[in-house]
mmCIF file of all heavy atoms, coordinates in Angstrom:
data_MODEL
# 
_entry.id   MODEL 
# 
loop_
_atom_site.group_PDB 
_atom_site.id 
_atom_site.type_symbol 
_atom_site.label_atom_id 
_atom_site.label_alt_id 
_atom_site.label_comp_id 
_atom_site.label_asym_id 
_atom_site.label_entity_id 
_atom_site.label_seq_id 
_atom_site.pdbx_PDB_ins_code 
_atom_site.Cartn_x 
_atom_site.Cartn_y 
_atom_site.Cartn_z 
_atom_site.occupancy 
_atom_site.B_iso_or_equiv 
_atom_site.pdbx_formal_charge 
_atom_site.auth_seq_id 
_atom_site.auth_comp_id 
_atom_site.auth_asym_id 
_atom_site.auth_atom_id 
_atom_site.pdbx_PDB_model_num 
ATOM 1   N N   . ALA A 1 1  ? 12.693 14.066 12.915 1.00 0.00 ? 1  ALA A N   1 
ATOM 2   C CA  . ALA A 1 1  ? 13.219 12.702 12.816 1.00 0.00 ? 1  ALA A CA  1 
ATOM 3   C C   . ALA A 1 1  ? 12.237 11.703 13.413 1.00 0.00 ? 1  ALA A C   1 
ATOM 4   O O   . ALA A 1 1  ? 11.453 12.022 14.311 1.00 0.00 ? 1  ALA A O   1 
ATOM 5   C CB  . ALA A 1 1  ? 14.564 12.585 13.525 1.00 0.00 ? 1  ALA A CB  1 
ATOM 6   N N   . ILE A 1 2  ? 12.291 10.486 12.894 1.00 0.00 ? 2  ILE A N   1 
ATOM 7   C CA  . ILE A 1 2  ? 11.648 9.325  13.489 1.00 0.00 ? 2  ILE A CA  1 
ATOM 8   C C   . ILE A 1 2  ? 12.745 8.290  13.641 1.00 0.00 ? 2  ILE A C   1 
ATOM 9   O O   . ILE A 1 2  ? 13.266 7.771  12.638 1.00 0.00 ? 2  ILE A O   1 
ATOM 10  C CB  . ILE A 1 2  ? 10.503 8.765  12.628 1.00 0.00 ? 2  ILE A CB  1 
ATOM 11  C CG1 . ILE A 1 2  ? 9.367  9.779  12.505 1.00 0.00 ? 2  ILE A CG1 1 
ATOM 12  C CG2 . ILE A 1 2  ? 9.982  7.461  13.214 1.00 0.00 ? 2  ILE A CG2 1 
ATOM 13  C CD1 . ILE A 1 2  ? 8.225  9.317  11.619 1.00 0.00 ? 2  ILE A CD1 1 
ATOM 14  N N   . GLY A 1 3  ? 13.120 7.995  14.875 1.00 0.00 ? 3  GLY A N   1 
ATOM 15  C CA  . GLY A 1 3  ? 14.268 7.130  15.087 1.00 0.00 ? 3  GLY A CA  1 
ATOM 16  C C   . GLY A 1 3  ? 15.496 7.752  14.454 1.00 0.00 ? 3  GLY A C   1 
ATOM 17  O O   . GLY A 1 3  ? 15.796 8.933  14.675 1.00 0.00 ? 3  GLY A O   1 
ATOM 18  N N   . ASP A 1 4  ? 16.180 6.971  13.627 1.00 0.00 ? 4  ASP A N   1 
ATOM 19  C CA  . ASP A 1 4  ? 17.375 7.479  12.940 1.00 0.00 ? 4  ASP A CA  1 
ATOM 20  C C   . ASP A 1 4  ? 17.079 8.054  11.569 1.00 0.00 ? 4  ASP A C   1 
ATOM 21  O O   . ASP A 1 4  ? 17.996 8.469  10.850 1.00 0.00 ? 4  ASP A O   1 
ATOM 22  C CB  . ASP A 1 4  ? 18.413 6.352  12.795 1.00 0.00 ? 4  ASP A CB  1 
ATOM 23  C CG  . ASP A 1 4  ? 19.020 5.941  14.131 1.00 0.00 ? 4  ASP A CG  1 
ATOM 24  O OD1 . ASP A 1 4  ? 18.872 6.699  15.101 1.00 0.00 ? 4  ASP A OD1 1 
ATOM 25  O OD2 . ASP A 1 4  ? 19.629 4.844  14.197 1.00 0.00 ? 4  ASP A OD2 1 
ATOM 26  N N   . ILE A 1 5  ? 15.807 8.072  11.166 1.00 0.00 ? 5  ILE A N   1 
ATOM 27  C CA  . ILE A 1 5  ? 15.426 8.648  9.872  1.00 0.00 ? 5  ILE A CA  1 
ATOM 28  C C   . ILE A 1 5  ? 15.240 10.144 10.060 1.00 0.00 ? 5  ILE A C   1 
ATOM 29  O O   . ILE A 1 5  ? 14.382 10.586 10.832 1.00 0.00 ? 5  ILE A O   1 
ATOM 30  C CB  . ILE A 1 5  ? 14.140 8.021  9.327  1.00 0.00 ? 5  ILE A CB  1 
ATOM 31  C CG1 . ILE A 1 5  ? 14.228 6.495  9.328  1.00 0.00 ? 5  ILE A CG1 1 
ATOM 32  C CG2 . ILE A 1 5  ? 13.839 8.563  7.932  1.00 0.00 ? 5  ILE A CG2 1 
ATOM 33  C CD1 . ILE A 1 5  ? 15.353 5.952  8.479  1.00 0.00 ? 5  ILE A CD1 1 
ATOM 34  N N   . ARG A 1 6  ? 16.035 10.937 9.352  1.00 0.00 ? 6  ARG A N   1 
ATOM 35  C CA  . ARG A 1 6  ? 16.032 12.386 9.570  1.00 0.00 ? 6  ARG A CA  1 
ATOM 36  C C   . ARG A 1 6  ? 15.536 13.142 8.335  1.00 0.00 ? 6  ARG A C   1 
ATOM 37  O O   . ARG A 1 6  ? 15.719 12.697 7.198  1.00 0.00 ? 6  ARG A O   1 
ATOM 38  C CB  . ARG A 1 6  ? 17.430 12.862 9.952  1.00 0.00 ? 6  ARG A CB  1 
ATOM 39  C CG  . ARG A 1 6  ? 17.933 12.169 11.205 1.00 0.00 ? 6  ARG A CG  1 
ATOM 40  C CD  . ARG A 1 6  ? 19.141 12.852 11.835 1.00 0.00 ? 6  ARG A CD  1 
ATOM 41  N NE  . ARG A 1 6  ? 19.436 12.225 13.127 1.00 0.00 ? 6  ARG A NE  1 
ATOM 42  C CZ  . ARG A 1 6  ? 18.832 12.540 14.254 1.00 0.00 ? 6  ARG A CZ  1 
ATOM 43  N NH1 . ARG A 1 6  ? 17.901 13.471 14.260 1.00 0.00 ? 6  ARG A NH1 1 
ATOM 44  N NH2 . ARG A 1 6  ? 19.147 11.926 15.381 1.00 0.00 ? 6  ARG A NH2 1 
ATOM 45  N N   . LEU A 1 7  ? 14.936 14.283 8.602  1.00 0.00 ? 7  LEU A N   1 
ATOM 46  C CA  . LEU A 1 7  ? 14.400 15.122 7.526  1.00 0.00 ? 7  LEU A CA  1 
ATOM 47  C C   . LEU A 1 7  ? 15.514 15.737 6.698  1.00 0.00 ? 7  LEU A C   1 
ATOM 48  O O   . LEU A 1 7  ? 15.417 15.835 5.475  1.00 0.00 ? 7  LEU A O   1 
ATOM 49  C CB  . LEU A 1 7  ? 13.519 16.229 8.130  1.00 0.00 ? 7  LEU A CB  1 
ATOM 50  C CG  . LEU A 1 7  ? 12.693 17.061 7.166  1.00 0.00 ? 7  LEU A CG  1 
ATOM 51  C CD1 . LEU A 1 7  ? 11.695 16.193 6.413  1.00 0.00 ? 7  LEU A CD1 1 
ATOM 52  C CD2 . LEU A 1 7  ? 11.959 18.161 7.931  1.00 0.00 ? 7  LEU A CD2 1 
ATOM 53  N N   . GLY A 1 8  ? 16.577 16.161 7.389  1.00 0.00 ? 8  GLY A N   1 
ATOM 54  C CA  . GLY A 1 8  ? 17.715 16.760 6.683  1.00 0.00 ? 8  GLY A CA  1 
ATOM 55  C C   . GLY A 1 8  ? 17.321 18.026 5.954  1.00 0.00 ? 8  GLY A C   1 
ATOM 56  O O   . GLY A 1 8  ? 16.586 18.862 6.473  1.00 0.00 ? 8  GLY A O   1 
ATOM 57  N N   . HIS A 1 9  ? 17.789 18.149 4.707  1.00 0.00 ? 9  HIS A N   1 
ATOM 58  C CA  . HIS A 1 9  ? 17.556 19.363 3.932  1.00 0.00 ? 9  HIS A CA  1 
ATOM 59  C C   . HIS A 1 9  ? 16.435 19.195 2.893  1.00 0.00 ? 9  HIS A C   1 
ATOM 60  O O   . HIS A 1 9  ? 16.362 19.962 1.927  1.00 0.00 ? 9  HIS A O   1 
ATOM 61  C CB  . HIS A 1 9  ? 18.843 19.789 3.234  1.00 0.00 ? 9  HIS A CB  1 
ATOM 62  C CG  . HIS A 1 9  ? 19.965 20.108 4.180  1.00 0.00 ? 9  HIS A CG  1 
ATOM 63  N ND1 . HIS A 1 9  ? 19.939 21.190 5.036  1.00 0.00 ? 9  HIS A ND1 1 
ATOM 64  C CD2 . HIS A 1 9  ? 21.133 19.450 4.431  1.00 0.00 ? 9  HIS A CD2 1 
ATOM 65  C CE1 . HIS A 1 9  ? 21.043 21.207 5.763  1.00 0.00 ? 9  HIS A CE1 1 
ATOM 66  N NE2 . HIS A 1 9  ? 21.787 20.163 5.418  1.00 0.00 ? 9  HIS A NE2 1 
ATOM 67  N N   . LEU A 1 10 ? 15.584 18.212 3.100  1.00 0.00 ? 10 LEU A N   1 
ATOM 68  C CA  . LEU A 1 10 ? 14.468 18.001 2.171  1.00 0.00 ? 10 LEU A CA  1 
ATOM 69  C C   . LEU A 1 10 ? 13.556 19.216 2.166  1.00 0.00 ? 10 LEU A C   1 
ATOM 70  O O   . LEU A 1 10 ? 13.127 19.692 3.213  1.00 0.00 ? 10 LEU A O   1 
ATOM 71  C CB  . LEU A 1 10 ? 13.675 16.756 2.596  1.00 0.00 ? 10 LEU A CB  1 
ATOM 72  C CG  . LEU A 1 10 ? 12.510 16.339 1.692  1.00 0.00 ? 10 LEU A CG  1 
ATOM 73  C CD1 . LEU A 1 10 ? 13.006 15.938 0.313  1.00 0.00 ? 10 LEU A CD1 1 
ATOM 74  C CD2 . LEU A 1 10 ? 11.733 15.188 2.337  1.00 0.00 ? 10 LEU A CD2 1 
ATOM 75  N N   . MET A 1 11 ? 13.268 19.728 0.977  1.00 0.00 ? 11 MET A N   1 
ATOM 76  C CA  . MET A 1 11 ? 12.450 20.931 0.852  1.00 0.00 ? 11 MET A CA  1 
ATOM 77  C C   . MET A 1 11 ? 11.010 20.666 1.246  1.00 0.00 ? 11 MET A C   1 
ATOM 78  O O   . MET A 1 11 ? 10.479 19.572 1.035  1.00 0.00 ? 11 MET A O   1 
ATOM 79  C CB  . MET A 1 11 ? 12.509 21.459 -0.590 1.00 0.00 ? 11 MET A CB  1 
ATOM 80  C CG  . MET A 1 11 ? 13.861 21.992 -1.001 1.00 0.00 ? 11 MET A CG  1 
ATOM 81  S SD  . MET A 1 11 ? 13.858 22.545 -2.735 1.00 0.00 ? 11 MET A SD  1 
ATOM 82  C CE  . MET A 1 11 ? 12.600 23.831 -2.675 1.00 0.00 ? 11 MET A CE  1 
ATOM 83  N N   . GLU A 1 12 ? 10.369 21.654 1.817  1.00 0.00 ? 12 GLU A N   1 
ATOM 84  C CA  . GLU A 1 12 ? 8.973  21.556 2.216  1.00 0.00 ? 12 GLU A CA  1 
ATOM 85  C C   . GLU A 1 12 ? 8.091  21.234 1.017  1.00 0.00 ? 12 GLU A C   1 
ATOM 86  O O   . GLU A 1 12 ? 8.229  21.824 -0.056 1.00 0.00 ? 12 GLU A O   1 
ATOM 87  C CB  . GLU A 1 12 ? 8.529  22.861 2.867  1.00 0.00 ? 12 GLU A CB  1 
ATOM 88  C CG  . GLU A 1 12 ? 7.207  22.770 3.597  1.00 0.00 ? 12 GLU A CG  1 
ATOM 89  C CD  . GLU A 1 12 ? 6.912  24.024 4.403  1.00 0.00 ? 12 GLU A CD  1 
ATOM 90  O OE1 . GLU A 1 12 ? 7.444  24.166 5.521  1.00 0.00 ? 12 GLU A OE1 1 
ATOM 91  O OE2 . GLU A 1 12 ? 6.169  24.874 3.878  1.00 0.00 ? 12 GLU A OE2 1 
ATOM 92  N N   . GLY A 1 13 ? 7.191  20.271 1.192  1.00 0.00 ? 13 GLY A N   1 
ATOM 93  C CA  . GLY A 1 13 ? 6.303  19.873 0.111  1.00 0.00 ? 13 GLY A CA  1 
ATOM 94  C C   . GLY A 1 13 ? 6.884  18.835 -0.822 1.00 0.00 ? 13 GLY A C   1 
ATOM 95  O O   . GLY A 1 13 ? 6.198  18.359 -1.731 1.00 0.00 ? 13 GLY A O   1 
ATOM 96  N N   . HIS A 1 14 ? 8.136  18.457 -0.598 1.00 0.00 ? 14 HIS A N   1 
ATOM 97  C CA  . HIS A 1 14 ? 8.804  17.472 -1.445 1.00 0.00 ? 14 HIS A CA  1 
ATOM 98  C C   . HIS A 1 14 ? 8.940  16.142 -0.709 1.00 0.00 ? 14 HIS A C   1 
ATOM 99  O O   . HIS A 1 14 ? 8.745  16.068 0.500  1.00 0.00 ? 14 HIS A O   1 
ATOM 100 C CB  . HIS A 1 14 ? 10.177 17.972 -1.879 1.00 0.00 ? 14 HIS A CB  1 
ATOM 101 C CG  . HIS A 1 14 ? 10.137 19.102 -2.858 1.00 0.00 ? 14 HIS A CG  1 
ATOM 102 N ND1 . HIS A 1 14 ? 10.751 19.059 -4.082 1.00 0.00 ? 14 HIS A ND1 1 
ATOM 103 C CD2 . HIS A 1 14 ? 9.539  20.327 -2.791 1.00 0.00 ? 14 HIS A CD2 1 
ATOM 104 C CE1 . HIS A 1 14 ? 10.540 20.196 -4.739 1.00 0.00 ? 14 HIS A CE1 1 
ATOM 105 N NE2 . HIS A 1 14 ? 9.801  20.977 -3.971 1.00 0.00 ? 14 HIS A NE2 1 
ATOM 106 N N   . TYR A 1 15 ? 9.318  15.103 -1.462 1.00 0.00 ? 15 TYR A N   1 
ATOM 107 C CA  . TYR A 1 15 ? 9.566  13.805 -0.849 1.00 0.00 ? 15 TYR A CA  1 
ATOM 108 C C   . TYR A 1 15 ? 10.846 13.221 -1.426 1.00 0.00 ? 15 TYR A C   1 
ATOM 109 O O   . TYR A 1 15 ? 11.343 13.642 -2.463 1.00 0.00 ? 15 TYR A O   1 
ATOM 110 C CB  . TYR A 1 15 ? 8.390  12.843 -1.077 1.00 0.00 ? 15 TYR A CB  1 
ATOM 111 C CG  . TYR A 1 15 ? 8.228  12.355 -2.506 1.00 0.00 ? 15 TYR A CG  1 
ATOM 112 C CD1 . TYR A 1 15 ? 8.966  11.274 -2.993 1.00 0.00 ? 15 TYR A CD1 1 
ATOM 113 C CD2 . TYR A 1 15 ? 7.329  12.967 -3.375 1.00 0.00 ? 15 TYR A CD2 1 
ATOM 114 C CE1 . TYR A 1 15 ? 8.820  10.831 -4.295 1.00 0.00 ? 15 TYR A CE1 1 
ATOM 115 C CE2 . TYR A 1 15 ? 7.171  12.526 -4.682 1.00 0.00 ? 15 TYR A CE2 1 
ATOM 116 C CZ  . TYR A 1 15 ? 7.921  11.460 -5.127 1.00 0.00 ? 15 TYR A CZ  1 
ATOM 117 O OH  . TYR A 1 15 ? 7.787  11.016 -6.427 1.00 0.00 ? 15 TYR A OH  1 
ATOM 118 N N   . ARG A 1 16 ? 11.365 12.238 -0.715 1.00 0.00 ? 16 ARG A N   1 
ATOM 119 C CA  . ARG A 1 16 ? 12.497 11.463 -1.224 1.00 0.00 ? 16 ARG A CA  1 
ATOM 120 C C   . ARG A 1 16 ? 12.272 9.996  -0.839 1.00 0.00 ? 16 ARG A C   1 
ATOM 121 O O   . ARG A 1 16 ? 11.614 9.687  0.157  1.00 0.00 ? 16 ARG A O   1 
ATOM 122 C CB  . ARG A 1 16 ? 13.820 11.947 -0.632 1.00 0.00 ? 16 ARG A CB  1 
ATOM 123 C CG  . ARG A 1 16 ? 13.981 11.687 0.866  1.00 0.00 ? 16 ARG A CG  1 
ATOM 124 C CD  . ARG A 1 16 ? 15.410 11.960 1.342  1.00 0.00 ? 16 ARG A CD  1 
ATOM 125 N NE  . ARG A 1 16 ? 15.553 11.780 2.774  1.00 0.00 ? 16 ARG A NE  1 
ATOM 126 C CZ  . ARG A 1 16 ? 15.759 10.619 3.372  1.00 0.00 ? 16 ARG A CZ  1 
ATOM 127 N NH1 . ARG A 1 16 ? 15.833 9.507  2.652  1.00 0.00 ? 16 ARG A NH1 1 
ATOM 128 N NH2 . ARG A 1 16 ? 15.897 10.545 4.692  1.00 0.00 ? 16 ARG A NH2 1 
ATOM 129 N N   . LYS A 1 17 ? 12.803 9.084  -1.643 1.00 0.00 ? 17 LYS A N   1 
ATOM 130 C CA  . LYS A 1 17 ? 12.698 7.674  -1.311 1.00 0.00 ? 17 LYS A CA  1 
ATOM 131 C C   . LYS A 1 17 ? 13.731 7.327  -0.240 1.00 0.00 ? 17 LYS A C   1 
ATOM 132 O O   . LYS A 1 17 ? 14.829 7.864  -0.224 1.00 0.00 ? 17 LYS A O   1 
ATOM 133 C CB  . LYS A 1 17 ? 12.927 6.822  -2.558 1.00 0.00 ? 17 LYS A CB  1 
ATOM 134 C CG  . LYS A 1 17 ? 11.782 6.925  -3.566 1.00 0.00 ? 17 LYS A CG  1 
ATOM 135 C CD  . LYS A 1 17 ? 11.926 5.920  -4.693 1.00 0.00 ? 17 LYS A CD  1 
ATOM 136 C CE  . LYS A 1 17 ? 10.725 5.980  -5.622 1.00 0.00 ? 17 LYS A CE  1 
ATOM 137 N NZ  . LYS A 1 17 ? 10.824 4.978  -6.722 1.00 0.00 ? 17 LYS A NZ  1 
ATOM 138 N N   . LEU A 1 18 ? 13.344 6.443  0.663  1.00 0.00 ? 18 LEU A N   1 
ATOM 139 C CA  . LEU A 1 18 ? 14.274 5.996  1.682  1.00 0.00 ? 18 LEU A CA  1 
ATOM 140 C C   . LEU A 1 18 ? 15.368 5.152  1.042  1.00 0.00 ? 18 LEU A C   1 
ATOM 141 O O   . LEU A 1 18 ? 15.131 4.443  0.056  1.00 0.00 ? 18 LEU A O   1 
ATOM 142 C CB  . LEU A 1 18 ? 13.549 5.157  2.760  1.00 0.00 ? 18 LEU A CB  1 
ATOM 143 C CG  . LEU A 1 18 ? 13.005 5.921  3.961  1.00 0.00 ? 18 LEU A CG  1 
ATOM 144 C CD1 . LEU A 1 18 ? 11.879 6.859  3.539  1.00 0.00 ? 18 LEU A CD1 1 
ATOM 145 C CD2 . LEU A 1 18 ? 12.503 4.955  5.034  1.00 0.00 ? 18 LEU A CD2 1 
ATOM 146 N N   . THR A 1 19 ? 16.550 5.236  1.597  1.00 0.00 ? 19 THR A N   1 
ATOM 147 C CA  . THR A 1 19 ? 17.652 4.417  1.108  1.00 0.00 ? 19 THR A CA  1 
ATOM 148 C C   . THR A 1 19 ? 17.476 2.981  1.594  1.00 0.00 ? 19 THR A C   1 
ATOM 149 O O   . THR A 1 19 ? 16.700 2.702  2.520  1.00 0.00 ? 19 THR A O   1 
ATOM 150 C CB  . THR A 1 19 ? 18.995 4.947  1.628  1.00 0.00 ? 19 THR A CB  1 
ATOM 151 O OG1 . THR A 1 19 ? 19.044 4.797  3.057  1.00 0.00 ? 19 THR A OG1 1 
ATOM 152 C CG2 . THR A 1 19 ? 19.187 6.421  1.269  1.00 0.00 ? 19 THR A CG2 1 
ATOM 153 N N   . LYS A 1 20 ? 18.190 2.075  0.986  1.00 0.00 ? 20 LYS A N   1 
ATOM 154 C CA  . LYS A 1 20 ? 18.130 0.671  1.400  1.00 0.00 ? 20 LYS A CA  1 
ATOM 155 C C   . LYS A 1 20 ? 18.536 0.534  2.865  1.00 0.00 ? 20 LYS A C   1 
ATOM 156 O O   . LYS A 1 20 ? 17.913 -0.223 3.626  1.00 0.00 ? 20 LYS A O   1 
ATOM 157 C CB  . LYS A 1 20 ? 19.051 -0.162 0.514  1.00 0.00 ? 20 LYS A CB  1 
ATOM 158 C CG  . LYS A 1 20 ? 19.034 -1.650 0.849  1.00 0.00 ? 20 LYS A CG  1 
ATOM 159 C CD  . LYS A 1 20 ? 19.947 -2.431 -0.078 1.00 0.00 ? 20 LYS A CD  1 
ATOM 160 C CE  . LYS A 1 20 ? 19.937 -3.920 0.270  1.00 0.00 ? 20 LYS A CE  1 
ATOM 161 N NZ  . LYS A 1 20 ? 20.841 -4.700 -0.621 1.00 0.00 ? 20 LYS A NZ  1 
ATOM 162 N N   . LYS A 1 21 ? 19.534 1.296  3.270  1.00 0.00 ? 21 LYS A N   1 
ATOM 163 C CA  . LYS A 1 21 ? 19.999 1.252  4.657  1.00 0.00 ? 21 LYS A CA  1 
ATOM 164 C C   . LYS A 1 21 ? 18.902 1.740  5.607  1.00 0.00 ? 21 LYS A C   1 
ATOM 165 O O   . LYS A 1 21 ? 18.692 1.164  6.686  1.00 0.00 ? 21 LYS A O   1 
ATOM 166 C CB  . LYS A 1 21 ? 21.258 2.104  4.817  1.00 0.00 ? 21 LYS A CB  1 
ATOM 167 C CG  . LYS A 1 21 ? 21.868 2.054  6.203  1.00 0.00 ? 21 LYS A CG  1 
ATOM 168 C CD  . LYS A 1 21 ? 23.153 2.872  6.262  1.00 0.00 ? 21 LYS A CD  1 
ATOM 169 C CE  . LYS A 1 21 ? 23.763 2.820  7.663  1.00 0.00 ? 21 LYS A CE  1 
ATOM 170 N NZ  . LYS A 1 21 ? 25.025 3.622  7.723  1.00 0.00 ? 21 LYS A NZ  1 
ATOM 171 N N   . GLU A 1 22 ? 18.194 2.800  5.225  1.00 0.00 ? 22 GLU A N   1 
ATOM 172 C CA  . GLU A 1 22 ? 17.116 3.342  6.066  1.00 0.00 ? 22 GLU A CA  1 
ATOM 173 C C   . GLU A 1 22 ? 15.964 2.337  6.188  1.00 0.00 ? 22 GLU A C   1 
ATOM 174 O O   . GLU A 1 22 ? 15.383 2.174  7.263  1.00 0.00 ? 22 GLU A O   1 
ATOM 175 C CB  . GLU A 1 22 ? 16.626 4.672  5.497  1.00 0.00 ? 22 GLU A CB  1 
ATOM 176 C CG  . GLU A 1 22 ? 17.603 5.822  5.687  1.00 0.00 ? 22 GLU A CG  1 
ATOM 177 C CD  . GLU A 1 22 ? 17.138 7.085  4.996  1.00 0.00 ? 22 GLU A CD  1 
ATOM 178 O OE1 . GLU A 1 22 ? 16.517 6.987  3.909  1.00 0.00 ? 22 GLU A OE1 1 
ATOM 179 O OE2 . GLU A 1 22 ? 17.412 8.187  5.525  1.00 0.00 ? 22 GLU A OE2 1 
ATOM 180 N N   . ILE A 1 23 ? 15.619 1.682  5.073  1.00 0.00 ? 23 ILE A N   1 
ATOM 181 C CA  . ILE A 1 23 ? 14.544 0.698  5.095  1.00 0.00 ? 23 ILE A CA  1 
ATOM 182 C C   . ILE A 1 23 ? 14.918 -0.468 5.992  1.00 0.00 ? 23 ILE A C   1 
ATOM 183 O O   . ILE A 1 23 ? 14.115 -0.937 6.811  1.00 0.00 ? 23 ILE A O   1 
ATOM 184 C CB  . ILE A 1 23 ? 14.228 0.200  3.672  1.00 0.00 ? 23 ILE A CB  1 
ATOM 185 C CG1 . ILE A 1 23 ? 13.679 1.363  2.823  1.00 0.00 ? 23 ILE A CG1 1 
ATOM 186 C CG2 . ILE A 1 23 ? 13.206 -0.935 3.714  1.00 0.00 ? 23 ILE A CG2 1 
ATOM 187 C CD1 . ILE A 1 23 ? 13.577 1.036  1.344  1.00 0.00 ? 23 ILE A CD1 1 
ATOM 188 N N   . GLU A 1 24 ? 16.156 -0.935 5.878  1.00 0.00 ? 24 GLU A N   1 
ATOM 189 C CA  . GLU A 1 24 ? 16.620 -2.034 6.735  1.00 0.00 ? 24 GLU A CA  1 
ATOM 190 C C   . GLU A 1 24 ? 16.600 -1.638 8.197  1.00 0.00 ? 24 GLU A C   1 
ATOM 191 O O   . GLU A 1 24 ? 16.237 -2.443 9.063  1.00 0.00 ? 24 GLU A O   1 
ATOM 192 C CB  . GLU A 1 24 ? 18.032 -2.450 6.308  1.00 0.00 ? 24 GLU A CB  1 
ATOM 193 C CG  . GLU A 1 24 ? 18.090 -3.153 4.954  1.00 0.00 ? 24 GLU A CG  1 
ATOM 194 C CD  . GLU A 1 24 ? 19.504 -3.427 4.490  1.00 0.00 ? 24 GLU A CD  1 
ATOM 195 O OE1 . GLU A 1 24 ? 20.449 -2.876 5.129  1.00 0.00 ? 24 GLU A OE1 1 
ATOM 196 O OE2 . GLU A 1 24 ? 19.672 -4.165 3.513  1.00 0.00 ? 24 GLU A OE2 1 
ATOM 197 N N   . TYR A 1 25 ? 16.956 -0.389 8.484  1.00 0.00 ? 25 TYR A N   1 
ATOM 198 C CA  . TYR A 1 25 ? 16.922 0.087  9.861  1.00 0.00 ? 25 TYR A CA  1 
ATOM 199 C C   . TYR A 1 25 ? 15.493 0.065  10.419 1.00 0.00 ? 25 TYR A C   1 
ATOM 200 O O   . TYR A 1 25 ? 15.255 -0.435 11.518 1.00 0.00 ? 25 TYR A O   1 
ATOM 201 C CB  . TYR A 1 25 ? 17.476 1.513  9.942  1.00 0.00 ? 25 TYR A CB  1 
ATOM 202 C CG  . TYR A 1 25 ? 17.035 2.269  11.177 1.00 0.00 ? 25 TYR A CG  1 
ATOM 203 C CD1 . TYR A 1 25 ? 17.547 1.941  12.429 1.00 0.00 ? 25 TYR A CD1 1 
ATOM 204 C CD2 . TYR A 1 25 ? 16.080 3.266  11.094 1.00 0.00 ? 25 TYR A CD2 1 
ATOM 205 C CE1 . TYR A 1 25 ? 17.114 2.603  13.576 1.00 0.00 ? 25 TYR A CE1 1 
ATOM 206 C CE2 . TYR A 1 25 ? 15.640 3.933  12.218 1.00 0.00 ? 25 TYR A CE2 1 
ATOM 207 C CZ  . TYR A 1 25 ? 16.162 3.597  13.455 1.00 0.00 ? 25 TYR A CZ  1 
ATOM 208 O OH  . TYR A 1 25 ? 15.711 4.247  14.580 1.00 0.00 ? 25 TYR A OH  1 
ATOM 209 N N   . LEU A 1 26 ? 14.537 0.583  9.651  1.00 0.00 ? 26 LEU A N   1 
ATOM 210 C CA  . LEU A 1 26 ? 13.149 0.607  10.101 1.00 0.00 ? 26 LEU A CA  1 
ATOM 211 C C   . LEU A 1 26 ? 12.609 -0.808 10.321 1.00 0.00 ? 26 LEU A C   1 
ATOM 212 O O   . LEU A 1 26 ? 11.906 -1.068 11.311 1.00 0.00 ? 26 LEU A O   1 
ATOM 213 C CB  . LEU A 1 26 ? 12.272 1.361  9.094  1.00 0.00 ? 26 LEU A CB  1 
ATOM 214 C CG  . LEU A 1 26 ? 12.483 2.865  9.016  1.00 0.00 ? 26 LEU A CG  1 
ATOM 215 C CD1 . LEU A 1 26 ? 11.649 3.459  7.892  1.00 0.00 ? 26 LEU A CD1 1 
ATOM 216 C CD2 . LEU A 1 26 ? 12.139 3.539  10.336 1.00 0.00 ? 26 LEU A CD2 1 
ATOM 217 N N   . LYS A 1 27 ? 12.938 -1.720 9.433  1.00 0.00 ? 27 LYS A N   1 
ATOM 218 C CA  . LYS A 1 27 ? 12.469 -3.093 9.575  1.00 0.00 ? 27 LYS A CA  1 
ATOM 219 C C   . LYS A 1 27 ? 13.113 -3.791 10.763 1.00 0.00 ? 27 LYS A C   1 
ATOM 220 O O   . LYS A 1 27 ? 12.522 -4.698 11.350 1.00 0.00 ? 27 LYS A O   1 
ATOM 221 C CB  . LYS A 1 27 ? 12.724 -3.875 8.292  1.00 0.00 ? 27 LYS A CB  1 
ATOM 222 C CG  . LYS A 1 27 ? 11.834 -3.440 7.134  1.00 0.00 ? 27 LYS A CG  1 
ATOM 223 C CD  . LYS A 1 27 ? 12.026 -4.311 5.905  1.00 0.00 ? 27 LYS A CD  1 
ATOM 224 C CE  . LYS A 1 27 ? 11.033 -3.936 4.811  1.00 0.00 ? 27 LYS A CE  1 
ATOM 225 N NZ  . LYS A 1 27 ? 11.169 -4.789 3.604  1.00 0.00 ? 27 LYS A NZ  1 
# 
């Protein structure tokens, strides 16, 4: 994790786009 952004069940070598809520949190 970085802050409240968590890896969760994302498979190794894969990516996912951040949600609008996650982007707002980081900003």
